[in-house]
Amino acid sequence: MLRFAYVYSQTNGFIRWTLILLLLSISSAGASNAFPAPFLEARASVFVLIQKNGITWDAICTGAMVELKDGPRAVTAGHCVSDEPKAGYALIAADGKRWRVTGVEDFVNAWPADYAILRSEAEGELPALSVAPSDPQLGEELYVWDGPLGMTPFPMRGDYLGLISHTFSRDRGPHEGMRLVNFNADRGASGSIVMNENAEAVGILVGIFAKGPRSGVTALWGSMLSRLPAQERK
């Protein structure tokens, strides 16, 4: 598998796309054998979120099209858009096609909930993921298309570790109630939709959790998941 990054620039009114080779990893055949077919097919629902910054477009997060109560919506992490909800955004799909974001329908940036619902021209064009009917089981294998800061999303797997059951504060507040998966996710991959083996959405990757060993307790680390909007309404 090849990892790529898109670099966006705008010159004389035209958007120029440059594809930069970042890393040669395992073969695509080997990757296909390691992941469930529904998850691999779900790549078509995944997008890179870009934000207009002057004359350039910056890749800021990842996300996916998800079927919600009101229809298919582009879903990503709330903190990806909370600072500038009225800024210009667009989605870059797996085939490289660009779709304009027409508005931010809703966002929450208060852990344990951290999600944004975007209206876009991609509704009805990109396939939408179903939301899983229940939470994952402890130890269940989960999957994500990890795409940090514009890198072409690549597949990753990890085990569900359950809820973070203690509280401690940093600059973004308590982590209690966040769900944890032992993904070795990259910084900048916020908004990636985590799926089960049936490619049903189970959560949104929103942060990295690390707790060092103390009093003989093994260090705890992983990627934190927010619940999805549909799960919040239950």
Protein backbone atom coordinates (compact mmCIF):
# COMPACT_ATOMS: atom_id res chain seq x y z
CA MET A 1 0.00 0.00 0.00
CA LEU A 2 1.21 3.51 -0.80
CA ARG A 3 0.53 6.42 1.52
CA PHE A 4 0.05 9.76 -0.19
CA ALA A 5 -0.65 13.32 0.87
CA TYR A 6 -2.58 15.90 -1.09
CA VAL A 7 -1.13 19.39 -1.17
CA TYR A 8 -3.63 22.05 -2.13
CA SER A 9 -2.78 25.39 -3.70
CA GLN A 10 -4.65 27.88 -5.80
CA THR A 11 -2.91 29.79 -8.56
CA ASN A 12 -4.59 32.23 -10.96
CA GLY A 13 -8.01 31.04 -9.91
CA PHE A 14 -7.29 27.34 -10.47
CA ILE A 15 -6.87 24.75 -7.75
CA ARG A 16 -3.74 22.67 -8.29
CA TRP A 17 -3.52 19.21 -6.76
CA THR A 18 -0.12 17.75 -6.04
CA LEU A 19 0.25 14.16 -4.95
CA ILE A 20 3.29 13.49 -2.74
CA LEU A 21 4.52 9.99 -2.03
CA LEU A 22 5.13 9.72 1.71
CA LEU A 23 5.71 6.10 2.56
CA LEU A 24 5.83 2.70 0.92
CA SER A 25 4.23 0.20 3.25
CA ILE A 26 2.83 -3.29 2.89
CA SER A 27 1.49 -4.56 -0.42
CA SER A 28 -2.14 -3.88 -1.26
CA ALA A 29 -2.76 -7.62 -1.60
CA GLY A 30 -1.58 -8.24 1.94
CA ALA A 31 -3.67 -5.36 3.27
CA SER A 32 -6.79 -6.67 1.54
CA ASN A 33 -6.34 -10.08 3.14
CA ALA A 34 -6.00 -8.53 6.61
CA PHE A 35 -9.30 -6.60 6.69
CA PRO A 36 -12.97 -7.54 6.23
CA ALA A 37 -14.33 -6.93 2.74
CA PRO A 38 -17.19 -4.64 3.91
CA PHE A 39 -14.69 -2.38 5.66
CA LEU A 40 -12.48 -2.15 2.58
CA GLU A 41 -15.51 -1.33 0.44
CA ALA A 42 -16.45 1.41 2.93
CA ARG A 43 -13.40 3.39 1.77
CA ALA A 44 -15.75 4.97 -0.77
CA SER A 45 -17.63 6.68 2.10
CA VAL A 46 -14.50 8.24 3.60
CA PHE A 47 -13.35 11.80 2.88
CA VAL A 48 -10.61 14.23 3.81
CA LEU A 49 -11.96 17.52 5.17
CA ILE A 50 -10.22 20.62 3.85
CA GLN A 51 -10.60 24.25 4.94
CA LYS A 52 -10.08 27.38 2.88
CA ASN A 53 -7.15 29.42 4.17
CA GLY A 54 -6.67 32.50 2.06
CA ILE A 55 -5.74 31.29 -1.41
CA THR A 56 -4.94 27.76 -0.25
CA TRP A 57 -6.92 24.79 1.05
CA ASP A 58 -5.56 23.01 4.13
CA ALA A 59 -6.34 19.41 5.00
CA ILE A 60 -7.51 19.41 8.63
CA CYS A 61 -9.43 16.21 9.44
CA THR A 62 -11.00 13.03 8.12
CA GLY A 63 -14.63 11.86 8.16
CA ALA A 64 -17.23 9.77 6.37
CA MET A 65 -20.73 9.91 5.02
CA VAL A 66 -23.12 8.38 7.60
CA GLU A 67 -26.85 7.66 7.38
CA LEU A 68 -28.50 9.67 10.18
CA LYS A 69 -32.15 10.21 11.10
CA ASP A 70 -32.53 13.06 8.60
CA GLY A 71 -30.64 11.35 5.79
CA PRO A 72 -27.01 10.96 4.71
CA ARG A 73 -24.66 13.51 6.26
CA ALA A 74 -20.91 14.11 6.27
CA VAL A 75 -19.73 13.41 9.83
CA THR A 76 -16.42 14.36 11.42
CA ALA A 77 -15.13 15.48 14.84
CA GLY A 78 -16.72 18.57 16.34
CA HIS A 79 -13.40 20.18 17.26
CA CYS A 80 -12.47 20.15 13.56
CA VAL A 81 -14.99 22.92 12.84
CA SER A 82 -15.93 24.41 16.22
CA ASP A 83 -13.46 27.30 16.04
CA GLU A 84 -14.68 28.46 12.62
CA PRO A 85 -18.09 26.90 11.84
CA LYS A 86 -18.76 29.42 9.06
CA ALA A 87 -15.42 28.98 7.31
CA GLY A 88 -15.19 27.51 3.82
CA TYR A 89 -14.93 23.70 3.84
CA ALA A 90 -14.87 20.98 1.23
CA LEU A 91 -14.63 17.18 1.12
CA ILE A 92 -12.15 15.17 -0.92
CA ALA A 93 -13.50 11.71 -1.71
CA ALA A 94 -11.58 8.49 -2.37
CA ASP A 95 -11.63 9.11 -6.14
CA GLY A 96 -10.17 12.58 -5.65
CA LYS A 97 -13.43 14.38 -6.43
CA ARG A 98 -14.06 17.55 -4.45
CA TRP A 99 -17.45 18.31 -2.89
CA ARG A 100 -18.41 21.66 -1.41
CA VAL A 101 -19.63 21.83 2.20
CA THR A 102 -22.76 23.99 2.19
CA GLY A 103 -23.06 24.40 5.94
CA VAL A 104 -22.42 23.05 9.43
CA GLU A 105 -25.77 21.62 10.54
CA ASP A 106 -24.71 20.84 14.09
CA PHE A 107 -21.59 20.34 16.16
CA VAL A 108 -20.71 19.40 19.72
CA ASN A 109 -17.26 19.86 21.21
CA ALA A 110 -17.73 18.84 24.84
CA TRP A 111 -16.27 15.46 25.66
CA PRO A 112 -17.40 12.71 25.76
CA ALA A 113 -19.36 13.98 22.74
CA ASP A 114 -17.27 15.46 19.91
CA TYR A 115 -18.93 15.42 16.50
CA ALA A 116 -19.97 17.65 13.62
CA ILE A 117 -22.73 17.13 11.06
CA LEU A 118 -22.00 18.81 7.74
CA ARG A 119 -24.34 19.50 4.83
CA SER A 120 -22.60 19.04 1.52
CA GLU A 121 -22.97 18.47 -2.19
CA ALA A 122 -21.83 14.89 -1.56
CA GLU A 123 -25.21 13.87 -0.09
CA GLY A 124 -26.66 11.18 -2.33
CA GLU A 125 -23.37 10.95 -4.21
CA LEU A 126 -21.11 9.19 -1.70
CA PRO A 127 -22.35 5.92 -0.15
CA ALA A 128 -23.43 6.33 3.48
CA LEU A 129 -22.45 4.06 6.37
CA SER A 130 -25.11 2.64 8.67
CA VAL A 131 -24.79 3.28 12.40
CA ALA A 132 -24.17 0.11 14.43
CA PRO A 133 -27.27 -0.87 16.44
CA SER A 134 -25.26 -1.40 19.63
CA ASP A 135 -21.95 -0.56 21.26
CA PRO A 136 -18.97 -2.83 20.52
CA GLN A 137 -18.15 -5.66 22.91
CA LEU A 138 -14.98 -5.64 24.99
CA GLY A 139 -12.16 -7.06 22.91
CA GLU A 140 -14.09 -6.70 19.65
CA GLU A 141 -11.90 -5.91 16.68
CA LEU A 142 -12.62 -2.51 15.16
CA TYR A 143 -11.34 -0.77 12.06
CA VAL A 144 -10.67 2.74 10.84
CA TRP A 145 -9.46 4.53 7.73
CA ASP A 146 -6.77 6.73 9.29
CA GLY A 147 -5.92 9.84 7.27
CA PRO A 148 -3.82 12.33 9.22
CA LEU A 149 -3.54 15.87 7.84
CA GLY A 150 -4.37 15.12 4.22
CA MET A 151 -2.62 11.79 3.90
CA THR A 152 -4.64 9.36 1.80
CA PRO A 153 -6.56 7.34 4.43
CA PHE A 154 -5.11 3.89 5.10
CA PRO A 155 -6.67 0.95 6.99
CA MET A 156 -5.96 0.24 10.64
CA ARG A 157 -7.30 -2.30 13.11
CA GLY A 158 -7.49 -2.41 16.91
CA ASP A 159 -9.38 -3.90 19.86
CA TYR A 160 -12.13 -2.18 21.80
CA LEU A 161 -10.94 -1.57 25.39
CA GLY A 162 -14.17 -0.17 26.87
CA LEU A 163 -14.93 3.10 28.65
CA ILE A 164 -12.40 5.28 30.42
CA SER A 165 -13.77 5.04 33.94
CA HIS A 166 -11.74 7.62 35.81
CA THR A 167 -11.63 11.39 35.51
CA PHE A 168 -8.68 13.67 35.18
CA SER A 169 -8.49 17.10 33.61
CA ARG A 170 -6.29 18.63 30.98
CA ASP A 171 -7.01 21.68 28.89
CA ARG A 172 -10.00 19.98 27.23
CA GLY A 173 -11.62 18.59 30.37
CA PRO A 174 -12.48 15.14 31.73
CA HIS A 175 -12.04 11.94 29.71
CA GLU A 176 -14.49 9.89 31.72
CA GLY A 177 -17.05 8.23 29.46
CA MET A 178 -14.81 8.30 26.37
CA ARG A 179 -14.47 4.95 24.62
CA LEU A 180 -11.00 3.58 23.99
CA VAL A 181 -9.55 1.50 21.14
CA ASN A 182 -5.91 0.50 20.92
CA PHE A 183 -5.35 2.09 17.53
CA ASN A 184 -1.91 3.52 16.98
CA ALA A 185 -3.56 6.48 15.28
CA ASP A 186 -1.64 9.49 14.03
CA ARG A 187 -2.15 13.02 15.29
CA GLY A 188 -4.28 14.90 12.82
CA ALA A 189 -6.56 11.93 12.10
CA SER A 190 -9.48 13.39 14.08
CA GLY A 191 -12.91 12.72 12.60
CA SER A 192 -12.09 9.28 11.21
CA ILE A 193 -15.15 7.05 11.54
CA VAL A 194 -14.48 3.80 13.41
CA MET A 195 -16.32 0.72 12.12
CA ASN A 196 -17.03 -2.88 13.04
CA GLU A 197 -16.43 -5.85 10.74
CA ASN A 198 -19.72 -5.13 8.94
CA ALA A 199 -18.57 -1.57 8.17
CA GLU A 200 -21.16 -0.13 10.54
CA ALA A 201 -20.11 3.12 12.22
CA VAL A 202 -19.48 2.75 15.96
CA GLY A 203 -17.74 6.03 16.81
CA ILE A 204 -15.54 8.96 15.79
CA LEU A 205 -11.81 9.09 16.46
CA VAL A 206 -11.25 12.33 18.40
CA GLY A 207 -8.03 12.10 20.40
CA ILE A 208 -5.09 10.13 21.74
CA PHE A 209 -5.14 8.85 25.30
CA ALA A 210 -2.02 7.92 27.27
CA LYS A 211 -1.77 7.13 30.96
CA GLY A 212 1.63 6.17 32.31
CA PRO A 213 2.24 3.25 34.70
CA ARG A 214 1.64 4.00 38.36
CA SER A 215 1.73 1.76 41.44
CA GLY A 216 2.37 -1.30 39.34
CA VAL A 217 -0.50 -0.57 36.93
CA THR A 218 0.37 -1.12 33.28
CA ALA A 219 0.42 1.95 31.08
CA LEU A 220 -2.82 2.56 29.21
CA TRP A 221 -2.90 4.10 25.75
CA GLY A 222 -5.08 4.21 22.68
CA SER A 223 -7.41 6.35 20.60
CA MET A 224 -10.51 7.90 22.12
CA LEU A 225 -13.89 7.66 20.41
CA SER A 226 -16.83 10.02 20.57
CA ARG A 227 -20.32 8.68 20.15
CA LEU A 228 -22.06 9.39 16.86
CA PRO A 229 -24.93 11.90 16.56
CA ALA A 230 -27.44 9.09 16.01
CA GLN A 231 -26.24 7.38 19.18
CA GLU A 232 -26.54 10.62 21.14
CA ARG A 233 -30.24 10.85 20.28
CA LYS A 234 -31.04 7.40 21.68
